[in-house]
Full PDB file with SEQRES, HELIX, SHEET, SSBOND, CRYST1, ORIGX, SCALE, CONECT and MASTER records, all heavy atoms in Angstrom:
SEQRES   1 A   35  LYS ALA ILE GLU PRO GLU THR THR VAL LEU GLU GLU GLU          
SEQRES   2 A   35  LYS ILE LEU ARG ILE ARG SER GLU LEU PRO GLY ILE ALA          
SEQRES   3 A   35  GLU GLU LYS ILE ARG ILE ASP LEU ASP                          
HELIX    1 AA1 GLU A   27  LYS A   29  5                                   3    
SHEET    1 AA1 2 THR A   7  GLU A  11  0                                        
SHEET    2 AA1 2 LEU A  16  SER A  20 -1                                        
CRYST1    1.000    1.000    1.000  90.00  90.00  90.00 P 1           1          
ORIGX1      1.000000  0.000000  0.000000        0.00000                         
ORIGX2      0.000000  1.000000  0.000000        0.00000                         
ORIGX3      0.000000  0.000000  1.000000        0.00000                         
SCALE1      1.000000  0.000000  0.000000        0.00000                         
SCALE2      0.000000  1.000000  0.000000        0.00000                         
SCALE3      0.000000  0.000000  1.000000        0.00000                         
ATOM      1  N   LYS A   1       9.302  -6.734 -14.217  1.00  0.00           N  
ATOM      2  CA  LYS A   1       8.152  -7.555 -13.884  1.00  0.00           C  
ATOM      3  C   LYS A   1       7.086  -6.688 -13.214  1.00  0.00           C  
ATOM      4  O   LYS A   1       7.358  -6.018 -12.223  1.00  0.00           O  
ATOM      5  CB  LYS A   1       8.592  -8.673 -12.937  1.00  0.00           C  
ATOM      6  CG  LYS A   1       7.520  -9.661 -12.604  1.00  0.00           C  
ATOM      7  CD  LYS A   1       8.094 -10.758 -11.727  1.00  0.00           C  
ATOM      8  CE  LYS A   1       7.018 -11.727 -11.323  1.00  0.00           C  
ATOM      9  NZ  LYS A   1       7.532 -12.741 -10.408  1.00  0.00           N  
ATOM     10  N   ALA A   2       5.872  -6.684 -13.778  1.00  0.00           N  
ATOM     11  CA  ALA A   2       4.757  -5.936 -13.191  1.00  0.00           C  
ATOM     12  C   ALA A   2       4.086  -6.811 -12.138  1.00  0.00           C  
ATOM     13  O   ALA A   2       3.734  -7.953 -12.406  1.00  0.00           O  
ATOM     14  CB  ALA A   2       3.749  -5.545 -14.268  1.00  0.00           C  
ATOM     15  N   ILE A   3       3.942  -6.255 -10.938  1.00  0.00           N  
ATOM     16  CA  ILE A   3       3.416  -7.019  -9.815  1.00  0.00           C  
ATOM     17  C   ILE A   3       2.308  -6.237  -9.132  1.00  0.00           C  
ATOM     18  O   ILE A   3       2.445  -5.046  -8.895  1.00  0.00           O  
ATOM     19  CB  ILE A   3       4.527  -7.299  -8.779  1.00  0.00           C  
ATOM     20  CG1 ILE A   3       5.683  -8.061  -9.425  1.00  0.00           C  
ATOM     21  CG2 ILE A   3       3.984  -8.035  -7.564  1.00  0.00           C  
ATOM     22  CD1 ILE A   3       6.932  -8.111  -8.570  1.00  0.00           C  
ATOM     23  N   GLU A   4       1.220  -6.928  -8.812  1.00  0.00           N  
ATOM     24  CA  GLU A   4       0.203  -6.335  -7.952  1.00  0.00           C  
ATOM     25  C   GLU A   4       0.532  -6.777  -6.535  1.00  0.00           C  
ATOM     26  O   GLU A   4       0.469  -7.959  -6.217  1.00  0.00           O  
ATOM     27  CB  GLU A   4      -1.199  -6.800  -8.349  1.00  0.00           C  
ATOM     28  CG  GLU A   4      -2.264  -6.110  -7.530  1.00  0.00           C  
ATOM     29  CD  GLU A   4      -3.668  -6.382  -8.038  1.00  0.00           C  
ATOM     30  OE1 GLU A   4      -3.851  -6.686  -9.223  1.00  0.00           O  
ATOM     31  OE2 GLU A   4      -4.595  -6.299  -7.219  1.00  0.00           O  
ATOM     32  N   PRO A   5       0.924  -5.832  -5.676  1.00  0.00           N  
ATOM     33  CA  PRO A   5       1.378  -6.230  -4.338  1.00  0.00           C  
ATOM     34  C   PRO A   5       0.258  -6.800  -3.482  1.00  0.00           C  
ATOM     35  O   PRO A   5      -0.915  -6.432  -3.627  1.00  0.00           O  
ATOM     36  CB  PRO A   5       1.905  -4.927  -3.739  1.00  0.00           C  
ATOM     37  CG  PRO A   5       1.189  -3.854  -4.464  1.00  0.00           C  
ATOM     38  CD  PRO A   5       0.932  -4.392  -5.846  1.00  0.00           C  
ATOM     39  N   GLU A   6       0.636  -7.701  -2.598  1.00  0.00           N  
ATOM     40  CA  GLU A   6      -0.293  -8.255  -1.616  1.00  0.00           C  
ATOM     41  C   GLU A   6      -0.730  -7.085  -0.731  1.00  0.00           C  
ATOM     42  O   GLU A   6       0.090  -6.415  -0.120  1.00  0.00           O  
ATOM     43  CB  GLU A   6       0.404  -9.326  -0.788  1.00  0.00           C  
ATOM     44  CG  GLU A   6      -0.501 -10.043   0.176  1.00  0.00           C  
ATOM     45  CD  GLU A   6      -1.484 -10.959  -0.521  1.00  0.00           C  
ATOM     46  OE1 GLU A   6      -1.134 -11.551  -1.553  1.00  0.00           O  
ATOM     47  OE2 GLU A   6      -2.610 -11.078  -0.001  1.00  0.00           O  
ATOM     48  N   THR A   7      -2.042  -6.852  -0.668  1.00  0.00           N  
ATOM     49  CA  THR A   7      -2.560  -5.678   0.034  1.00  0.00           C  
ATOM     50  C   THR A   7      -3.742  -6.070   0.909  1.00  0.00           C  
ATOM     51  O   THR A   7      -4.594  -6.852   0.500  1.00  0.00           O  
ATOM     52  CB  THR A   7      -3.001  -4.598  -0.976  1.00  0.00           C  
ATOM     53  OG1 THR A   7      -1.859  -4.260  -1.787  1.00  0.00           O  
ATOM     54  CG2 THR A   7      -3.505  -3.352  -0.286  1.00  0.00           C  
ATOM     55  N   THR A   8      -3.769  -5.494   2.106  1.00  0.00           N  
ATOM     56  CA  THR A   8      -4.861  -5.714   3.046  1.00  0.00           C  
ATOM     57  C   THR A   8      -5.493  -4.369   3.363  1.00  0.00           C  
ATOM     58  O   THR A   8      -4.779  -3.392   3.626  1.00  0.00           O  
ATOM     59  CB  THR A   8      -4.331  -6.342   4.358  1.00  0.00           C  
ATOM     60  OG1 THR A   8      -3.636  -7.545   4.035  1.00  0.00           O  
ATOM     61  CG2 THR A   8      -5.465  -6.643   5.320  1.00  0.00           C  
ATOM     62  N   VAL A   9      -6.820  -4.328   3.338  1.00  0.00           N  
ATOM     63  CA  VAL A   9      -7.555  -3.110   3.686  1.00  0.00           C  
ATOM     64  C   VAL A   9      -8.378  -3.415   4.931  1.00  0.00           C  
ATOM     65  O   VAL A   9      -9.187  -4.332   4.933  1.00  0.00           O  
ATOM     66  CB  VAL A   9      -8.474  -2.656   2.524  1.00  0.00           C  
ATOM     67  CG1 VAL A   9      -9.244  -1.405   2.909  1.00  0.00           C  
ATOM     68  CG2 VAL A   9      -7.663  -2.425   1.256  1.00  0.00           C  
ATOM     69  N   LEU A  10      -8.125  -2.641   5.987  1.00  0.00           N  
ATOM     70  CA  LEU A  10      -8.840  -2.817   7.245  1.00  0.00           C  
ATOM     71  C   LEU A  10      -9.668  -1.568   7.518  1.00  0.00           C  
ATOM     72  O   LEU A  10      -9.115  -0.466   7.602  1.00  0.00           O  
ATOM     73  CB  LEU A  10      -7.855  -3.046   8.400  1.00  0.00           C  
ATOM     74  CG  LEU A  10      -6.913  -4.232   8.253  1.00  0.00           C  
ATOM     75  CD1 LEU A  10      -5.832  -4.176   9.321  1.00  0.00           C  
ATOM     76  CD2 LEU A  10      -7.679  -5.527   8.334  1.00  0.00           C  
ATOM     77  N   GLU A  11     -10.970  -1.759   7.662  1.00  0.00           N  
ATOM     78  CA  GLU A  11     -11.853  -0.626   7.928  1.00  0.00           C  
ATOM     79  C   GLU A  11     -12.177  -0.577   9.411  1.00  0.00           C  
ATOM     80  O   GLU A  11     -12.620  -1.565   9.997  1.00  0.00           O  
ATOM     81  CB  GLU A  11     -13.137  -0.759   7.114  1.00  0.00           C  
ATOM     82  CG  GLU A  11     -14.044   0.434   7.246  1.00  0.00           C  
ATOM     83  CD  GLU A  11     -15.284   0.329   6.386  1.00  0.00           C  
ATOM     84  OE1 GLU A  11     -15.367  -0.567   5.516  1.00  0.00           O  
ATOM     85  OE2 GLU A  11     -16.198   1.140   6.585  1.00  0.00           O  
ATOM     86  N   GLU A  12     -11.908   0.562  10.001  1.00  0.00           N  
ATOM     87  CA  GLU A  12     -12.279   0.803  11.386  1.00  0.00           C  
ATOM     88  C   GLU A  12     -13.354   1.887  11.372  1.00  0.00           C  
ATOM     89  O   GLU A  12     -13.751   2.341  10.310  1.00  0.00           O  
ATOM     90  CB  GLU A  12     -11.033   1.199  12.187  1.00  0.00           C  
ATOM     91  CG  GLU A  12     -10.004   0.070  12.207  1.00  0.00           C  
ATOM     92  CD  GLU A  12      -8.694   0.446  12.863  1.00  0.00           C  
ATOM     93  OE1 GLU A  12      -8.641   1.484  13.551  1.00  0.00           O  
ATOM     94  OE2 GLU A  12      -7.718  -0.293  12.679  1.00  0.00           O  
ATOM     95  N   GLU A  13     -13.814   2.305  12.533  1.00  0.00           N  
ATOM     96  CA  GLU A  13     -14.940   3.233  12.593  1.00  0.00           C  
ATOM     97  C   GLU A  13     -14.754   4.474  11.724  1.00  0.00           C  
ATOM     98  O   GLU A  13     -15.540   4.732  10.834  1.00  0.00           O  
ATOM     99  CB  GLU A  13     -15.206   3.643  14.041  1.00  0.00           C  
ATOM    100  CG  GLU A  13     -16.495   4.428  14.200  1.00  0.00           C  
ATOM    101  CD  GLU A  13     -16.808   4.674  15.660  1.00  0.00           C  
ATOM    102  OE1 GLU A  13     -16.583   3.774  16.480  1.00  0.00           O  
ATOM    103  OE2 GLU A  13     -17.278   5.779  15.961  1.00  0.00           O  
ATOM    104  N   LYS A  14     -13.705   5.247  11.978  1.00  0.00           N  
ATOM    105  CA  LYS A  14     -13.510   6.501  11.249  1.00  0.00           C  
ATOM    106  C   LYS A  14     -12.282   6.495  10.349  1.00  0.00           C  
ATOM    107  O   LYS A  14     -12.016   7.468   9.660  1.00  0.00           O  
ATOM    108  CB  LYS A  14     -13.391   7.669  12.234  1.00  0.00           C  
ATOM    109  CG  LYS A  14     -14.668   7.910  13.005  1.00  0.00           C  
ATOM    110  CD  LYS A  14     -14.504   9.074  13.953  1.00  0.00           C  
ATOM    111  CE  LYS A  14     -15.784   9.264  14.757  1.00  0.00           C  
ATOM    112  NZ  LYS A  14     -15.648  10.366  15.714  1.00  0.00           N  
ATOM    113  N   ILE A  15     -11.529   5.390  10.389  1.00  0.00           N  
ATOM    114  CA  ILE A  15     -10.312   5.330   9.585  1.00  0.00           C  
ATOM    115  C   ILE A  15     -10.245   4.058   8.754  1.00  0.00           C  
ATOM    116  O   ILE A  15     -10.988   3.105   8.983  1.00  0.00           O  
ATOM    117  CB  ILE A  15      -9.035   5.456  10.452  1.00  0.00           C  
ATOM    118  CG1 ILE A  15      -8.891   4.255  11.382  1.00  0.00           C  
ATOM    119  CG2 ILE A  15      -8.998   6.764  11.211  1.00  0.00           C  
ATOM    120  CD1 ILE A  15      -7.543   4.177  12.057  1.00  0.00           C  
ATOM    121  N   LEU A  16      -9.333   4.091   7.826  1.00  0.00           N  
ATOM    122  CA  LEU A  16      -9.083   2.957   6.949  1.00  0.00           C  
ATOM    123  C   LEU A  16      -7.573   2.721   6.958  1.00  0.00           C  
ATOM    124  O   LEU A  16      -6.801   3.670   6.819  1.00  0.00           O  
ATOM    125  CB  LEU A  16      -9.554   3.304   5.538  1.00  0.00           C  
ATOM    126  CG  LEU A  16      -9.581   2.184   4.540  1.00  0.00           C  
ATOM    127  CD1 LEU A  16     -10.767   1.278   4.846  1.00  0.00           C  
ATOM    128  CD2 LEU A  16      -9.708   2.724   3.151  1.00  0.00           C  
ATOM    129  N   ARG A  17      -7.149   1.485   7.159  1.00  0.00           N  
ATOM    130  CA  ARG A  17      -5.734   1.135   7.124  1.00  0.00           C  
ATOM    131  C   ARG A  17      -5.486   0.270   5.896  1.00  0.00           C  
ATOM    132  O   ARG A  17      -6.181  -0.716   5.674  1.00  0.00           O  
ATOM    133  CB  ARG A  17      -5.323   0.347   8.362  1.00  0.00           C  
ATOM    134  CG  ARG A  17      -5.356   1.136   9.623  1.00  0.00           C  
ATOM    135  CD  ARG A  17      -4.864   0.288  10.802  1.00  0.00           C  
ATOM    136  NE  ARG A  17      -5.147   0.952  12.040  1.00  0.00           N  
ATOM    137  CZ  ARG A  17      -4.378   1.874  12.598  1.00  0.00           C  
ATOM    138  NH1 ARG A  17      -3.266   2.225  12.005  1.00  0.00           N  
ATOM    139  NH2 ARG A  17      -4.715   2.441  13.738  1.00  0.00           N  
ATOM    140  N   ILE A  18      -4.500   0.658   5.137  1.00  0.00           N  
ATOM    141  CA  ILE A  18      -4.106  -0.107   3.956  1.00  0.00           C  
ATOM    142  C   ILE A  18      -2.670  -0.554   4.182  1.00  0.00           C  
ATOM    143  O   ILE A  18      -1.786   0.273   4.426  1.00  0.00           O  
ATOM    144  CB  ILE A  18      -4.223   0.726   2.673  1.00  0.00           C  
ATOM    145  CG1 ILE A  18      -5.675   1.144   2.449  1.00  0.00           C  
ATOM    146  CG2 ILE A  18      -3.680  -0.059   1.483  1.00  0.00           C  
ATOM    147  CD1 ILE A  18      -5.875   2.078   1.278  1.00  0.00           C  
ATOM    148  N   ARG A  19      -2.432  -1.859   4.106  1.00  0.00           N  
ATOM    149  CA  ARG A  19      -1.085  -2.428   4.232  1.00  0.00           C  
ATOM    150  C   ARG A  19      -0.735  -3.113   2.918  1.00  0.00           C  
ATOM    151  O   ARG A  19      -1.472  -3.981   2.462  1.00  0.00           O  
ATOM    152  CB  ARG A  19      -1.031  -3.428   5.383  1.00  0.00           C  
ATOM    153  CG  ARG A  19      -1.147  -2.771   6.724  1.00  0.00           C  
ATOM    154  CD  ARG A  19      -0.847  -3.744   7.855  1.00  0.00           C  
ATOM    155  NE  ARG A  19      -1.059  -3.084   9.129  1.00  0.00           N  
ATOM    156  CZ  ARG A  19      -1.978  -3.445  10.013  1.00  0.00           C  
ATOM    157  NH1 ARG A  19      -2.741  -4.488   9.774  1.00  0.00           N  
ATOM    158  NH2 ARG A  19      -2.116  -2.784  11.128  1.00  0.00           N  
ATOM    159  N   SER A  20       0.382  -2.707   2.367  1.00  0.00           N  
ATOM    160  CA  SER A  20       0.794  -3.239   1.077  1.00  0.00           C  
ATOM    161  C   SER A  20       2.245  -3.713   1.166  1.00  0.00           C  
ATOM    162  O   SER A  20       3.114  -2.988   1.648  1.00  0.00           O  
ATOM    163  CB  SER A  20       0.648  -2.143   0.015  1.00  0.00           C  
ATOM    164  OG  SER A  20       0.730  -2.676  -1.268  1.00  0.00           O  
ATOM    165  N   GLU A  21       2.501  -4.935   0.708  1.00  0.00           N  
ATOM    166  CA  GLU A  21       3.833  -5.528   0.765  1.00  0.00           C  
ATOM    167  C   GLU A  21       4.632  -5.142  -0.481  1.00  0.00           C  
ATOM    168  O   GLU A  21       4.238  -5.467  -1.593  1.00  0.00           O  
ATOM    169  CB  GLU A  21       3.733  -7.041   0.891  1.00  0.00           C  
ATOM    170  CG  GLU A  21       3.072  -7.477   2.191  1.00  0.00           C  
ATOM    171  CD  GLU A  21       2.974  -8.976   2.346  1.00  0.00           C  
ATOM    172  OE1 GLU A  21       3.756  -9.704   1.688  1.00  0.00           O  
ATOM    173  OE2 GLU A  21       2.118  -9.421   3.130  1.00  0.00           O  
ATOM    174  N   LEU A  22       5.758  -4.439  -0.229  1.00  0.00           N  
ATOM    175  CA  LEU A  22       6.618  -3.982  -1.317  1.00  0.00           C  
ATOM    176  C   LEU A  22       8.064  -4.403  -1.026  1.00  0.00           C  
ATOM    177  O   LEU A  22       8.928  -3.570  -0.778  1.00  0.00           O  
ATOM    178  CB  LEU A  22       6.516  -2.451  -1.442  1.00  0.00           C  
ATOM    179  CG  LEU A  22       5.104  -1.897  -1.667  1.00  0.00           C  
ATOM    180  CD1 LEU A  22       5.085  -0.397  -1.489  1.00  0.00           C  
ATOM    181  CD2 LEU A  22       4.595  -2.301  -3.034  1.00  0.00           C  
ATOM    182  N   PRO A  23       8.334  -5.702  -1.071  1.00  0.00           N  
ATOM    183  CA  PRO A  23       9.678  -6.180  -0.710  1.00  0.00           C  
ATOM    184  C   PRO A  23      10.750  -5.672  -1.669  1.00  0.00           C  
ATOM    185  O   PRO A  23      10.552  -5.623  -2.873  1.00  0.00           O  
ATOM    186  CB  PRO A  23       9.537  -7.707  -0.783  1.00  0.00           C  
ATOM    187  CG  PRO A  23       8.388  -7.949  -1.694  1.00  0.00           C  
ATOM    188  CD  PRO A  23       7.457  -6.775  -1.508  1.00  0.00           C  
ATOM    189  N   GLY A  24      11.862  -5.253  -1.071  1.00  0.00           N  
ATOM    190  CA  GLY A  24      12.998  -4.820  -1.879  1.00  0.00           C  
ATOM    191  C   GLY A  24      12.915  -3.402  -2.407  1.00  0.00           C  
ATOM    192  O   GLY A  24      13.819  -2.947  -3.099  1.00  0.00           O  
ATOM    193  N   ILE A  25      11.858  -2.690  -2.104  1.00  0.00           N  
ATOM    194  CA  ILE A  25      11.671  -1.334  -2.606  1.00  0.00           C  
ATOM    195  C   ILE A  25      12.163  -0.330  -1.571  1.00  0.00           C  
ATOM    196  O   ILE A  25      11.893  -0.469  -0.379  1.00  0.00           O  
ATOM    197  CB  ILE A  25      10.172  -1.070  -2.923  1.00  0.00           C  
ATOM    198  CG1 ILE A  25       9.685  -2.004  -4.043  1.00  0.00           C  
ATOM    199  CG2 ILE A  25       9.917   0.377  -3.277  1.00  0.00           C  
ATOM    200  CD1 ILE A  25      10.282  -1.728  -5.391  1.00  0.00           C  
ATOM    201  N   ALA A  26      12.858   0.701  -2.026  1.00  0.00           N  
ATOM    202  CA  ALA A  26      13.279   1.786  -1.141  1.00  0.00           C  
ATOM    203  C   ALA A  26      12.109   2.758  -0.977  1.00  0.00           C  
ATOM    204  O   ALA A  26      11.328   2.968  -1.920  1.00  0.00           O  
ATOM    205  CB  ALA A  26      14.474   2.511  -1.730  1.00  0.00           C  
ATOM    206  N   GLU A  27      11.983   3.342   0.200  1.00  0.00           N  
ATOM    207  CA  GLU A  27      10.844   4.225   0.492  1.00  0.00           C  
ATOM    208  C   GLU A  27      10.730   5.376  -0.507  1.00  0.00           C  
ATOM    209  O   GLU A  27       9.626   5.751  -0.904  1.00  0.00           O  
ATOM    210  CB  GLU A  27      10.951   4.773   1.910  1.00  0.00           C  
ATOM    211  CG  GLU A  27       9.739   5.584   2.319  1.00  0.00           C  
ATOM    212  CD  GLU A  27       9.726   5.935   3.794  1.00  0.00           C  
ATOM    213  OE1 GLU A  27      10.688   5.636   4.507  1.00  0.00           O  
ATOM    214  OE2 GLU A  27       8.718   6.525   4.221  1.00  0.00           O  
ATOM    215  N   GLU A  28      11.861   5.920  -0.959  1.00  0.00           N  
ATOM    216  CA  GLU A  28      11.806   7.043  -1.899  1.00  0.00           C  
ATOM    217  C   GLU A  28      11.312   6.639  -3.290  1.00  0.00           C  
ATOM    218  O   GLU A  28      11.025   7.488  -4.127  1.00  0.00           O  
ATOM    219  CB  GLU A  28      13.164   7.755  -1.983  1.00  0.00           C  
ATOM    220  CG  GLU A  28      14.293   6.901  -2.468  1.00  0.00           C  
ATOM    221  CD  GLU A  28      15.035   6.160  -1.347  1.00  0.00           C  
ATOM    222  OE1 GLU A  28      14.623   6.191  -0.175  1.00  0.00           O  
ATOM    223  OE2 GLU A  28      16.039   5.514  -1.670  1.00  0.00           O  
ATOM    224  N   LYS A  29      11.181   5.353  -3.538  1.00  0.00           N  
ATOM    225  CA  LYS A  29      10.675   4.855  -4.826  1.00  0.00           C  
ATOM    226  C   LYS A  29       9.166   4.597  -4.801  1.00  0.00           C  
ATOM    227  O   LYS A  29       8.611   4.062  -5.754  1.00  0.00           O  
ATOM    228  CB  LYS A  29      11.394   3.563  -5.220  1.00  0.00           C  
ATOM    229  CG  LYS A  29      12.876   3.715  -5.388  1.00  0.00           C  
ATOM    230  CD  LYS A  29      13.198   4.513  -6.611  1.00  0.00           C  
ATOM    231  CE  LYS A  29      14.693   4.542  -6.848  1.00  0.00           C  
ATOM    232  NZ  LYS A  29      15.036   5.195  -8.089  1.00  0.00           N  
ATOM    233  N   ILE A  30       8.500   4.953  -3.711  1.00  0.00           N  
ATOM    234  CA  ILE A  30       7.060   4.721  -3.562  1.00  0.00           C  
ATOM    235  C   ILE A  30       6.311   6.017  -3.840  1.00  0.00           C  
ATOM    236  O   ILE A  30       6.685   7.079  -3.353  1.00  0.00           O  
ATOM    237  CB  ILE A  30       6.725   4.230  -2.136  1.00  0.00           C  
ATOM    238  CG1 ILE A  30       7.437   2.916  -1.846  1.00  0.00           C  
ATOM    239  CG2 ILE A  30       5.206   4.070  -1.968  1.00  0.00           C  
ATOM    240  CD1 ILE A  30       7.353   2.479  -0.397  1.00  0.00           C  
ATOM    241  N   ARG A  31       5.247   5.917  -4.615  1.00  0.00           N  
ATOM    242  CA  ARG A  31       4.375   7.057  -4.892  1.00  0.00           C  
ATOM    243  C   ARG A  31       2.946   6.663  -4.552  1.00  0.00           C  
ATOM    244  O   ARG A  31       2.494   5.573  -4.912  1.00  0.00           O  
ATOM    245  CB  ARG A  31       4.467   7.471  -6.353  1.00  0.00           C  
ATOM    246  CG  ARG A  31       3.782   8.811  -6.602  1.00  0.00           C  
ATOM    247  CD  ARG A  31       3.963   9.264  -8.015  1.00  0.00           C  
ATOM    248  NE  ARG A  31       2.730   8.912  -8.717  1.00  0.00           N  
ATOM    249  CZ  ARG A  31       2.633   8.719 -10.015  1.00  0.00           C  
ATOM    250  NH1 ARG A  31       3.690   8.792 -10.777  1.00  0.00           N  
ATOM    251  NH2 ARG A  31       1.493   8.403 -10.556  1.00  0.00           N  
ATOM    252  N   ILE A  32       2.248   7.554  -3.879  1.00  0.00           N  
ATOM    253  CA  ILE A  32       0.859   7.314  -3.490  1.00  0.00           C  
ATOM    254  C   ILE A  32       0.007   8.427  -4.066  1.00  0.00           C  
ATOM    255  O   ILE A  32       0.298   9.607  -3.850  1.00  0.00           O  
ATOM    256  CB  ILE A  32       0.720   7.289  -1.957  1.00  0.00           C  
ATOM    257  CG1 ILE A  32       1.617   6.201  -1.359  1.00  0.00           C  
ATOM    258  CG2 ILE A  32      -0.737   7.077  -1.552  1.00  0.00           C  
ATOM    259  CD1 ILE A  32       1.967   6.429   0.072  1.00  0.00           C  
ATOM    260  N   ASP A  33      -1.021   8.057  -4.823  1.00  0.00           N  
ATOM    261  CA  ASP A  33      -1.969   9.024  -5.359  1.00  0.00           C  
ATOM    262  C   ASP A  33      -3.306   8.791  -4.675  1.00  0.00           C  
ATOM    263  O   ASP A  33      -3.784   7.658  -4.588  1.00  0.00           O  
ATOM    264  CB  ASP A  33      -2.140   8.860  -6.876  1.00  0.00           C  
ATOM    265  CG  ASP A  33      -0.880   9.217  -7.648  1.00  0.00           C  
ATOM    266  OD1 ASP A  33      -0.128  10.099  -7.187  1.00  0.00           O  
ATOM    267  OD2 ASP A  33      -0.651   8.621  -8.705  1.00  0.00           O  
ATOM    268  N   LEU A  34      -3.901   9.867  -4.206  1.00  0.00           N  
ATOM    269  CA  LEU A  34      -5.188   9.790  -3.522  1.00  0.00           C  
ATOM    270  C   LEU A  34      -6.136  10.781  -4.180  1.00  0.00           C  
ATOM    271  O   LEU A  34      -5.848  11.975  -4.237  1.00  0.00           O  
ATOM    272  CB  LEU A  34      -5.003  10.110  -2.039  1.00  0.00           C  
ATOM    273  CG  LEU A  34      -6.239  10.084  -1.152  1.00  0.00           C  
ATOM    274  CD1 LEU A  34      -6.888   8.713  -1.165  1.00  0.00           C  
ATOM    275  CD2 LEU A  34      -5.857  10.466   0.265  1.00  0.00           C  
ATOM    276  N   ASP A  35      -7.225  10.274  -4.698  1.00  0.00           N  
ATOM    277  CA  ASP A  35      -8.228  11.120  -5.350  1.00  0.00           C  
ATOM    278  C   ASP A  35      -9.605  10.715  -4.847  1.00  0.00           C  
ATOM    279  O   ASP A  35     -10.203   9.772  -5.361  1.00  0.00           O  
ATOM    280  CB  ASP A  35      -8.133  10.983  -6.862  1.00  0.00           C  
ATOM    281  CG  ASP A  35      -9.085  11.906  -7.604  1.00  0.00           C  
ATOM    282  OD1 ASP A  35      -9.501  12.939  -7.033  1.00  0.00           O  
ATOM    283  OD2 ASP A  35      -9.428  11.588  -8.763  1.00  0.00           O  
TER     284      ASP A  35                                                      
MASTER        0    0    0    1    2    0    0    6  283    1    0    3          
END                                                                             
């Protein structure tokens, strides 16, 4: 099942916080690409 996770983006002065819900996923199964 392809799922778009529930995600919140919070912008602060110099930083950005992204929170994404990935229930049931092991940390080693997560990949983050930043470009």
